[in-house]
């Protein structure tokens, strides 16, 4: 397990740094102002082609979410929107895992170090969870703004298929999915060919007892690394086949 942890950390650090570099280069293409134009508040007002359609798509996604759990937000959506932080940010996926130990159920927070949530800076899942937990004591607009950040990212990438194709060619495919605690909110994920997984429950329990915290990070298997396919090579071999 110690060897697997070292391998996982080395691979995760390398690929995370690489992905952040790619996203920094692509940031101008993921800028939502180039999709929503005058519907996003900005010091420079500039209309862009398709901005009305993008805003209508955003409203179609927002309205069903606003009136349902866990958000229960106001349904009116005024333009322009206040999306302040427009820099892309990635955070590793975390999820709750139920496990039995000595006849008792325990909830362990599992981290997938090679699968990330893509958001705009400062609006990761942890922030959204905090706002939901404080829902009764915070100003509703804070929660609404965080939810809108997820939707704006989703619509922006749908309007920029070239970015999705480019990241896929770089072995970082983008997918849209959901998180159980966020209902039907579309969450943007980025993955990579190197997958991680959980060892046996016994190993997880031992690890959490040693660390003293109910948290565990998935690990890479060496077989996964050596078994990675090369789509580019396979395409060329197919073309060269008689």
C-alpha atoms as a PDB file:
ATOM      1  CA  UNK A   1       0.000   0.000   0.000  1.00  0.00           C
ATOM      2  CA  UNK A   2       2.865   2.369   0.769  1.00  0.00           C
ATOM      3  CA  UNK A   3       4.330   1.754  -2.703  1.00  0.00           C
ATOM      4  CA  UNK A   4       0.927   2.318  -4.314  1.00  0.00           C
ATOM      5  CA  UNK A   5       0.490   5.562  -2.387  1.00  0.00           C
ATOM      6  CA  UNK A   6       3.865   6.831  -3.594  1.00  0.00           C
ATOM      7  CA  UNK A   7       3.022   5.881  -7.174  1.00  0.00           C
ATOM      8  CA  UNK A   8      -0.403   7.504  -6.921  1.00  0.00           C
ATOM      9  CA  UNK A   9       0.968  10.734  -5.499  1.00  0.00           C
ATOM     10  CA  UNK A  10       3.689  10.979  -8.165  1.00  0.00           C
ATOM     11  CA  UNK A  11       1.229  10.329 -11.015  1.00  0.00           C
ATOM     12  CA  UNK A  12      -1.461  12.621  -9.555  1.00  0.00           C
ATOM     13  CA  UNK A  13       0.964  15.507  -8.998  1.00  0.00           C
ATOM     14  CA  UNK A  14       2.331  15.189 -12.536  1.00  0.00           C
ATOM     15  CA  UNK A  15      -1.038  14.967 -14.288  1.00  0.00           C
ATOM     16  CA  UNK A  16      -2.667  17.661 -12.155  1.00  0.00           C
ATOM     17  CA  UNK A  17       0.145  20.073 -12.981  1.00  0.00           C
ATOM     18  CA  UNK A  18      -0.146  19.172 -16.658  1.00  0.00           C
ATOM     19  CA  UNK A  19      -3.920  19.685 -16.693  1.00  0.00           C
ATOM     20  CA  UNK A  20      -3.657  23.033 -14.923  1.00  0.00           C
ATOM     21  CA  UNK A  21      -1.143  24.142 -17.542  1.00  0.00           C
ATOM     22  CA  UNK A  22      -3.532  23.122 -20.342  1.00  0.00           C
ATOM     23  CA  UNK A  23      -6.435  24.963 -18.711  1.00  0.00           C
ATOM     24  CA  UNK A  24      -4.361  28.108 -18.222  1.00  0.00           C
ATOM     25  CA  UNK A  25      -3.608  28.094 -21.953  1.00  0.00           C
ATOM     26  CA  UNK A  26      -7.257  27.427 -22.833  1.00  0.00           C
ATOM     27  CA  UNK A  27      -8.677  29.942 -20.324  1.00  0.00           C
ATOM     28  CA  UNK A  28      -9.467  32.581 -23.014  1.00  0.00           C
ATOM     29  CA  UNK A  29     -11.533  29.972 -24.883  1.00  0.00           C
ATOM     30  CA  UNK A  30     -13.426  29.014 -21.690  1.00  0.00           C
ATOM     31  CA  UNK A  31     -14.156  32.666 -20.883  1.00  0.00           C
ATOM     32  CA  UNK A  32     -17.966  32.776 -20.465  1.00  0.00           C
ATOM     33  CA  UNK A  33     -18.068  36.391 -21.617  1.00  0.00           C
ATOM     34  CA  UNK A  34     -17.273  35.138 -25.119  1.00  0.00           C
ATOM     35  CA  UNK A  35     -20.457  33.051 -24.967  1.00  0.00           C
ATOM     36  CA  UNK A  36     -22.895  35.154 -22.903  1.00  0.00           C
ATOM     37  CA  UNK A  37     -21.733  38.603 -24.031  1.00  0.00           C
ATOM     38  CA  UNK A  38     -23.943  41.356 -22.586  1.00  0.00           C
ATOM     39  CA  UNK A  39     -25.682  38.847 -20.306  1.00  0.00           C
ATOM     40  CA  UNK A  40     -22.604  38.821 -18.021  1.00  0.00           C
ATOM     41  CA  UNK A  41     -21.738  41.944 -16.093  1.00  0.00           C
ATOM     42  CA  UNK A  42     -18.399  43.358 -17.211  1.00  0.00           C
ATOM     43  CA  UNK A  43     -16.528  46.653 -17.377  1.00  0.00           C
ATOM     44  CA  UNK A  44     -16.258  46.159 -21.128  1.00  0.00           C
ATOM     45  CA  UNK A  45     -19.665  45.742 -22.729  1.00  0.00           C
ATOM     46  CA  UNK A  46     -19.504  43.754 -25.934  1.00  0.00           C
ATOM     47  CA  UNK A  47     -22.201  41.793 -27.687  1.00  0.00           C
ATOM     48  CA  UNK A  48     -21.298  38.349 -29.077  1.00  0.00           C
ATOM     49  CA  UNK A  49     -23.018  36.098 -31.566  1.00  0.00           C
ATOM     50  CA  UNK A  50     -25.352  33.587 -29.944  1.00  0.00           C
ATOM     51  CA  UNK A  51     -25.512  35.333 -26.542  1.00  0.00           C
ATOM     52  CA  UNK A  52     -29.325  35.335 -26.466  1.00  0.00           C
ATOM     53  CA  UNK A  53     -29.468  31.589 -27.209  1.00  0.00           C
ATOM     54  CA  UNK A  54     -26.852  30.885 -24.521  1.00  0.00           C
ATOM     55  CA  UNK A  55     -28.840  32.838 -21.930  1.00  0.00           C
ATOM     56  CA  UNK A  56     -32.065  31.048 -22.884  1.00  0.00           C
ATOM     57  CA  UNK A  57     -30.313  27.689 -22.510  1.00  0.00           C
ATOM     58  CA  UNK A  58     -29.073  28.787 -19.095  1.00  0.00           C
ATOM     59  CA  UNK A  59     -32.614  29.700 -18.025  1.00  0.00           C
ATOM     60  CA  UNK A  60     -33.969  26.345 -19.204  1.00  0.00           C
ATOM     61  CA  UNK A  61     -31.408  24.608 -16.980  1.00  0.00           C
ATOM     62  CA  UNK A  62     -31.863  26.949 -14.017  1.00  0.00           C
ATOM     63  CA  UNK A  63     -35.644  27.092 -13.621  1.00  0.00           C
ATOM     64  CA  UNK A  64     -36.211  23.383 -12.783  1.00  0.00           C
ATOM     65  CA  UNK A  65     -33.286  23.466 -10.342  1.00  0.00           C
ATOM     66  CA  UNK A  66     -34.383  26.650  -8.603  1.00  0.00           C
ATOM     67  CA  UNK A  67     -37.700  25.267  -7.456  1.00  0.00           C
ATOM     68  CA  UNK A  68     -36.437  21.881  -6.302  1.00  0.00           C
ATOM     69  CA  UNK A  69     -34.346  20.413  -3.494  1.00  0.00           C
ATOM     70  CA  UNK A  70     -31.711  20.911  -2.336  1.00  0.00           C
ATOM     71  CA  UNK A  71     -31.551  24.493  -3.627  1.00  0.00           C
ATOM     72  CA  UNK A  72     -35.040  26.065  -3.426  1.00  0.00           C
ATOM     73  CA  UNK A  73     -33.882  29.324  -4.997  1.00  0.00           C
ATOM     74  CA  UNK A  74     -35.895  32.180  -6.390  1.00  0.00           C
ATOM     75  CA  UNK A  75     -36.902  31.495  -9.969  1.00  0.00           C
ATOM     76  CA  UNK A  76     -36.307  34.927 -11.455  1.00  0.00           C
ATOM     77  CA  UNK A  77     -33.058  35.219 -13.383  1.00  0.00           C
ATOM     78  CA  UNK A  78     -31.997  38.745 -14.206  1.00  0.00           C
ATOM     79  CA  UNK A  79     -29.507  39.787 -16.855  1.00  0.00           C
ATOM     80  CA  UNK A  80     -26.663  40.664 -16.647  1.00  0.00           C
ATOM     81  CA  UNK A  81     -25.379  37.930 -14.336  1.00  0.00           C
ATOM     82  CA  UNK A  82     -22.629  38.575 -11.792  1.00  0.00           C
ATOM     83  CA  UNK A  83     -20.040  35.926 -12.637  1.00  0.00           C
ATOM     84  CA  UNK A  84     -16.944  37.526 -11.132  1.00  0.00           C
ATOM     85  CA  UNK A  85     -14.309  34.764 -11.185  1.00  0.00           C
ATOM     86  CA  UNK A  86     -13.916  33.421 -14.713  1.00  0.00           C
ATOM     87  CA  UNK A  87     -10.649  31.495 -14.342  1.00  0.00           C
ATOM     88  CA  UNK A  88     -11.070  27.692 -14.624  1.00  0.00           C
ATOM     89  CA  UNK A  89     -10.222  25.693 -11.522  1.00  0.00           C
ATOM     90  CA  UNK A  90     -10.009  21.941 -10.856  1.00  0.00           C
ATOM     91  CA  UNK A  91     -10.462  20.026  -7.597  1.00  0.00           C
ATOM     92  CA  UNK A  92     -10.292  16.241  -7.102  1.00  0.00           C
ATOM     93  CA  UNK A  93     -13.621  14.454  -6.812  1.00  0.00           C
ATOM     94  CA  UNK A  94     -14.672  13.443  -3.304  1.00  0.00           C
ATOM     95  CA  UNK A  95     -17.523  11.141  -2.321  1.00  0.00           C
ATOM     96  CA  UNK A  96     -18.926   9.464   0.777  1.00  0.00           C
ATOM     97  CA  UNK A  97     -18.380   5.717   1.147  1.00  0.00           C
ATOM     98  CA  UNK A  98     -20.270   3.629   3.701  1.00  0.00           C
ATOM     99  CA  UNK A  99     -18.261   0.878   5.328  1.00  0.00           C
ATOM    100  CA  UNK A 100     -18.873  -1.551   8.212  1.00  0.00           C
ATOM    101  CA  UNK A 101     -16.354  -1.849  11.002  1.00  0.00           C
ATOM    102  CA  UNK A 102     -16.978  -3.959  14.114  1.00  0.00           C
ATOM    103  CA  UNK A 103     -20.673  -4.049  13.316  1.00  0.00           C
ATOM    104  CA  UNK A 104     -20.938  -0.277  12.985  1.00  0.00           C
ATOM    105  CA  UNK A 105     -21.475   1.768   9.835  1.00  0.00           C
ATOM    106  CA  UNK A 106     -18.832   4.361   9.147  1.00  0.00           C
ATOM    107  CA  UNK A 107     -18.815   7.068   6.496  1.00  0.00           C
ATOM    108  CA  UNK A 108     -15.429   7.565   4.856  1.00  0.00           C
ATOM    109  CA  UNK A 109     -14.651  10.497   2.582  1.00  0.00           C
ATOM    110  CA  UNK A 110     -12.967   9.025  -0.500  1.00  0.00           C
ATOM    111  CA  UNK A 111     -10.878  11.168  -2.860  1.00  0.00           C
ATOM    112  CA  UNK A 112     -10.387  10.275  -6.530  1.00  0.00           C
ATOM    113  CA  UNK A 113      -7.086  12.059  -7.248  1.00  0.00           C
ATOM    114  CA  UNK A 114      -7.272  11.567 -11.038  1.00  0.00           C
ATOM    115  CA  UNK A 115     -10.833  12.727 -11.619  1.00  0.00           C
ATOM    116  CA  UNK A 116     -11.554  16.416 -11.208  1.00  0.00           C
ATOM    117  CA  UNK A 117     -14.505  18.792 -11.002  1.00  0.00           C
ATOM    118  CA  UNK A 118     -14.045  21.781 -13.312  1.00  0.00           C
ATOM    119  CA  UNK A 119     -15.519  25.042 -12.035  1.00  0.00           C
ATOM    120  CA  UNK A 120     -14.770  28.724 -12.082  1.00  0.00           C
ATOM    121  CA  UNK A 121     -12.375  29.791  -9.319  1.00  0.00           C
ATOM    122  CA  UNK A 122     -13.798  29.693  -5.798  1.00  0.00           C
ATOM    123  CA  UNK A 123     -16.919  27.686  -6.659  1.00  0.00           C
ATOM    124  CA  UNK A 124     -15.825  24.094  -6.073  1.00  0.00           C
ATOM    125  CA  UNK A 125     -18.073  21.419  -4.522  1.00  0.00           C
ATOM    126  CA  UNK A 126     -16.827  22.226  -1.005  1.00  0.00           C
ATOM    127  CA  UNK A 127     -18.003  25.824  -1.373  1.00  0.00           C
ATOM    128  CA  UNK A 128     -21.399  24.713  -2.667  1.00  0.00           C
ATOM    129  CA  UNK A 129     -21.784  22.239   0.217  1.00  0.00           C
ATOM    130  CA  UNK A 130     -20.968  24.992   2.718  1.00  0.00           C
ATOM    131  CA  UNK A 131     -23.600  27.280   1.215  1.00  0.00           C
ATOM    132  CA  UNK A 132     -26.220  24.510   1.271  1.00  0.00           C
ATOM    133  CA  UNK A 133     -25.407  23.769   4.930  1.00  0.00           C
ATOM    134  CA  UNK A 134     -25.844  27.466   5.783  1.00  0.00           C
ATOM    135  CA  UNK A 135     -28.870  27.915   3.552  1.00  0.00           C
ATOM    136  CA  UNK A 136     -31.139  29.213   6.318  1.00  0.00           C
ATOM    137  CA  UNK A 137     -28.651  31.776   7.587  1.00  0.00           C
ATOM    138  CA  UNK A 138     -27.128  33.166   4.381  1.00  0.00           C
ATOM    139  CA  UNK A 139     -28.315  35.537   1.737  1.00  0.00           C
ATOM    140  CA  UNK A 140     -29.938  33.444  -0.982  1.00  0.00           C
ATOM    141  CA  UNK A 141     -28.052  35.204  -3.752  1.00  0.00           C
ATOM    142  CA  UNK A 142     -24.761  33.635  -2.596  1.00  0.00           C
ATOM    143  CA  UNK A 143     -26.125  30.145  -3.193  1.00  0.00           C
ATOM    144  CA  UNK A 144     -27.736  31.242  -6.439  1.00  0.00           C
ATOM    145  CA  UNK A 145     -24.457  32.683  -7.723  1.00  0.00           C
ATOM    146  CA  UNK A 146     -22.593  29.448  -6.954  1.00  0.00           C
ATOM    147  CA  UNK A 147     -25.237  27.347  -8.735  1.00  0.00           C
ATOM    148  CA  UNK A 148     -25.129  29.713 -11.714  1.00  0.00           C
ATOM    149  CA  UNK A 149     -21.352  29.282 -11.930  1.00  0.00           C
ATOM    150  CA  UNK A 150     -21.842  25.544 -12.530  1.00  0.00           C
ATOM    151  CA  UNK A 151     -24.515  26.185 -15.148  1.00  0.00           C
ATOM    152  CA  UNK A 152     -22.476  28.868 -16.914  1.00  0.00           C
ATOM    153  CA  UNK A 153     -19.496  26.498 -17.119  1.00  0.00           C
ATOM    154  CA  UNK A 154     -21.767  23.768 -18.527  1.00  0.00           C
ATOM    155  CA  UNK A 155     -23.283  26.017 -21.201  1.00  0.00           C
ATOM    156  CA  UNK A 156     -19.915  27.586 -22.062  1.00  0.00           C
ATOM    157  CA  UNK A 157     -18.315  24.207 -22.788  1.00  0.00           C
ATOM    158  CA  UNK A 158     -21.326  23.062 -24.792  1.00  0.00           C
ATOM    159  CA  UNK A 159     -20.825  26.177 -26.910  1.00  0.00           C
ATOM    160  CA  UNK A 160     -17.110  25.431 -27.287  1.00  0.00           C
ATOM    161  CA  UNK A 161     -16.923  21.845 -28.654  1.00  0.00           C
ATOM    162  CA  UNK A 162     -13.421  22.553 -29.948  1.00  0.00           C
ATOM    163  CA  UNK A 163     -12.159  22.926 -26.380  1.00  0.00           C
ATOM    164  CA  UNK A 164     -13.691  19.586 -25.418  1.00  0.00           C
ATOM    165  CA  UNK A 165     -12.138  17.863 -28.453  1.00  0.00           C
ATOM    166  CA  UNK A 166      -8.745  19.420 -27.766  1.00  0.00           C
ATOM    167  CA  UNK A 167      -8.690  18.291 -24.134  1.00  0.00           C
ATOM    168  CA  UNK A 168      -9.790  14.819 -25.206  1.00  0.00           C
ATOM    169  CA  UNK A 169      -6.883  14.714 -27.669  1.00  0.00           C
ATOM    170  CA  UNK A 170      -4.633  15.674 -24.755  1.00  0.00           C
ATOM    171  CA  UNK A 171      -6.065  12.662 -22.846  1.00  0.00           C
ATOM    172  CA  UNK A 172      -8.219  14.740 -20.506  1.00  0.00           C
ATOM    173  CA  UNK A 173     -11.799  14.086 -21.675  1.00  0.00           C
ATOM    174  CA  UNK A 174     -14.593  16.296 -20.330  1.00  0.00           C
ATOM    175  CA  UNK A 175     -17.911  14.817 -19.254  1.00  0.00           C
ATOM    176  CA  UNK A 176     -21.069  16.159 -17.641  1.00  0.00           C
ATOM    177  CA  UNK A 177     -22.533  14.348 -14.668  1.00  0.00           C
ATOM    178  CA  UNK A 178     -24.205  14.802 -11.303  1.00  0.00           C
ATOM    179  CA  UNK A 179     -23.348  14.601  -7.612  1.00  0.00           C
ATOM    180  CA  UNK A 180     -25.908  13.014  -5.307  1.00  0.00           C
ATOM    181  CA  UNK A 181     -25.952  15.922  -2.866  1.00  0.00           C
ATOM    182  CA  UNK A 182     -26.525  18.467  -5.651  1.00  0.00           C
ATOM    183  CA  UNK A 183     -29.592  16.908  -7.235  1.00  0.00           C
ATOM    184  CA  UNK A 184     -29.911  17.505 -10.976  1.00  0.00           C
ATOM    185  CA  UNK A 185     -27.247  20.219 -11.134  1.00  0.00           C
ATOM    186  CA  UNK A 186     -24.936  19.438 -14.093  1.00  0.00           C
ATOM    187  CA  UNK A 187     -21.365  19.077 -12.853  1.00  0.00           C
ATOM    188  CA  UNK A 188     -18.426  19.257 -15.273  1.00  0.00           C
ATOM    189  CA  UNK A 189     -15.842  16.509 -14.803  1.00  0.00           C
ATOM    190  CA  UNK A 190     -12.390  15.993 -16.304  1.00  0.00           C
ATOM    191  CA  UNK A 191     -10.841  12.521 -16.297  1.00  0.00           C
ATOM    192  CA  UNK A 192      -7.679  10.891 -17.633  1.00  0.00           C
ATOM    193  CA  UNK A 193      -6.674   7.420 -18.894  1.00  0.00           C
ATOM    194  CA  UNK A 194      -5.055   6.540 -15.558  1.00  0.00           C
ATOM    195  CA  UNK A 195      -7.827   5.389 -13.251  1.00  0.00           C
ATOM    196  CA  UNK A 196      -7.767   4.868  -9.511  1.00  0.00           C
ATOM    197  CA  UNK A 197      -9.709   2.550  -7.232  1.00  0.00           C
ATOM    198  CA  UNK A 198     -10.356   1.490  -3.677  1.00  0.00           C
ATOM    199  CA  UNK A 199      -8.527  -1.438  -2.063  1.00  0.00           C
ATOM    200  CA  UNK A 200     -10.373  -3.791   0.280  1.00  0.00           C
ATOM    201  CA  UNK A 201     -12.508  -2.354   3.070  1.00  0.00           C
ATOM    202  CA  UNK A 202     -10.091  -3.847   5.582  1.00  0.00           C
ATOM    203  CA  UNK A 203      -7.216  -1.825   4.141  1.00  0.00           C
ATOM    204  CA  UNK A 204      -9.318   1.343   4.156  1.00  0.00           C
ATOM    205  CA  UNK A 205     -10.287   0.815   7.809  1.00  0.00           C
ATOM    206  CA  UNK A 206      -6.661   0.191   8.828  1.00  0.00           C
ATOM    207  CA  UNK A 207      -5.534   3.298   6.962  1.00  0.00           C
ATOM    208  CA  UNK A 208      -8.147   5.533   8.599  1.00  0.00           C
ATOM    209  CA  UNK A 209      -7.306   4.155  12.039  1.00  0.00           C
ATOM    210  CA  UNK A 210      -3.622   4.930  11.506  1.00  0.00           C
ATOM    211  CA  UNK A 211      -4.295   8.447  10.199  1.00  0.00           C
ATOM    212  CA  UNK A 212      -7.014   9.173  12.752  1.00  0.00           C
ATOM    213  CA  UNK A 213      -9.244  10.746  10.109  1.00  0.00           C
ATOM    214  CA  UNK A 214     -12.235   9.235   8.246  1.00  0.00           C
ATOM    215  CA  UNK A 215     -10.685   9.932   4.835  1.00  0.00           C
ATOM    216  CA  UNK A 216      -8.961   7.831   2.186  1.00  0.00           C
ATOM    217  CA  UNK A 217      -7.460   8.459  -1.241  1.00  0.00           C
ATOM    218  CA  UNK A 218      -7.936   5.962  -4.055  1.00  0.00           C
ATOM    219  CA  UNK A 219      -4.744   4.456  -5.457  1.00  0.00           C
ATOM    220  CA  UNK A 220      -3.344   3.711  -8.904  1.00  0.00           C
ATOM    221  CA  UNK A 221      -2.615   0.140  -9.944  1.00  0.00           C
ATOM    222  CA  UNK A 222       0.664  -0.339 -11.885  1.00  0.00           C
ATOM    223  CA  UNK A 223      -1.257  -2.541 -14.343  1.00  0.00           C
ATOM    224  CA  UNK A 224      -3.426   0.437 -15.275  1.00  0.00           C
ATOM    225  CA  UNK A 225      -0.386   2.550 -16.137  1.00  0.00           C
ATOM    226  CA  UNK A 226       1.258  -0.125 -18.288  1.00  0.00           C
ATOM    227  CA  UNK A 227      -2.021  -0.948 -20.026  1.00  0.00           C
ATOM    228  CA  UNK A 228      -2.817   2.561 -21.298  1.00  0.00           C
ATOM    229  CA  UNK A 229      -3.840   2.556 -24.953  1.00  0.00           C
ATOM    230  CA  UNK A 230      -2.549   5.070 -27.491  1.00  0.00           C
ATOM    231  CA  UNK A 231      -5.498   6.081 -29.753  1.00  0.00           C
ATOM    232  CA  UNK A 232      -3.201   8.098 -32.042  1.00  0.00           C
ATOM    233  CA  UNK A 233      -0.941   5.093 -32.637  1.00  0.00           C
ATOM    234  CA  UNK A 234      -3.933   2.802 -33.141  1.00  0.00           C
ATOM    235  CA  UNK A 235      -5.431   5.134 -35.757  1.00  0.00           C
ATOM    236  CA  UNK A 236      -2.168   5.215 -37.706  1.00  0.00           C
ATOM    237  CA  UNK A 237      -1.818   1.430 -37.527  1.00  0.00           C
ATOM    238  CA  UNK A 238      -5.372   1.078 -38.844  1.00  0.00           C
ATOM    239  CA  UNK A 239      -4.567   3.368 -41.776  1.00  0.00           C
ATOM    240  CA  UNK A 240      -1.385   1.443 -42.518  1.00  0.00           C
ATOM    241  CA  UNK A 241      -3.106  -1.950 -42.397  1.00  0.00           C
ATOM    242  CA  UNK A 242      -3.325  -3.723 -45.801  1.00  0.00           C
END
